């Protein structure tokens, strides 16, 4: 009985890791759609978002069933509670990739980004995808030190996000208000995506140590 229960806990972790892969691929495709004005990639991200939503629902259903039927305690209880919160953060990461893809679709066939800011978004997209893939590994390994390394990568995204404000607020900005709004919103999407990845890693640290580390953000967008 207990062996079957621990198999279910492992399956729950596997489902979360699979969600991390889904949202990494979503942001990778969304970023390419944004940078290349690729409508088919944008449409793929938009249609695939339902799969992320379904994956969250399945994780939560399994977690609540474990709470109701097994009455877990100590580390097992932390694992189930962390899974519920992590599934929510991962779904939000999928939603943020969806927002990027919808922005690319809305402006198609025109490019969304002025040439001068494209490198910033290419870098933010690369770091965001790296964070999601690191999250997958942290979920599988529950490696506390690996989880803590996500914070430094998140700082990269935060730094670029802050710099974008100086770019669009420059009085020499030649691209108009609409482009400035797009850049502002898109920067926020990437910044929040990275924050949610850190939040998932923080939940894994909580599973292992029983203490919630004081970095990252759980705020929704």
Foldseek 3Di string as FASTA:
>chain_A
DVVVLVVLLLVLLVLLLVLLVVLLVLLLLLLCCQLVLDLVSLVVLQVCLVVLVVSLVVSLVSLVCCCVPVVDDDLSVLSSVLSNLLSVLSSLSSVLSNVSSVQSNVPPPDRLADPVCSVLSVLLSVLLSVLSNLLSVCSNPLDLVSLVVLQVSLVSLVVSLVVLVVVCPPPPPDPDDSSNVSSNSNSVSSNSSSLSSSVSSQSSPCSVPVDRDDDGDSDRD
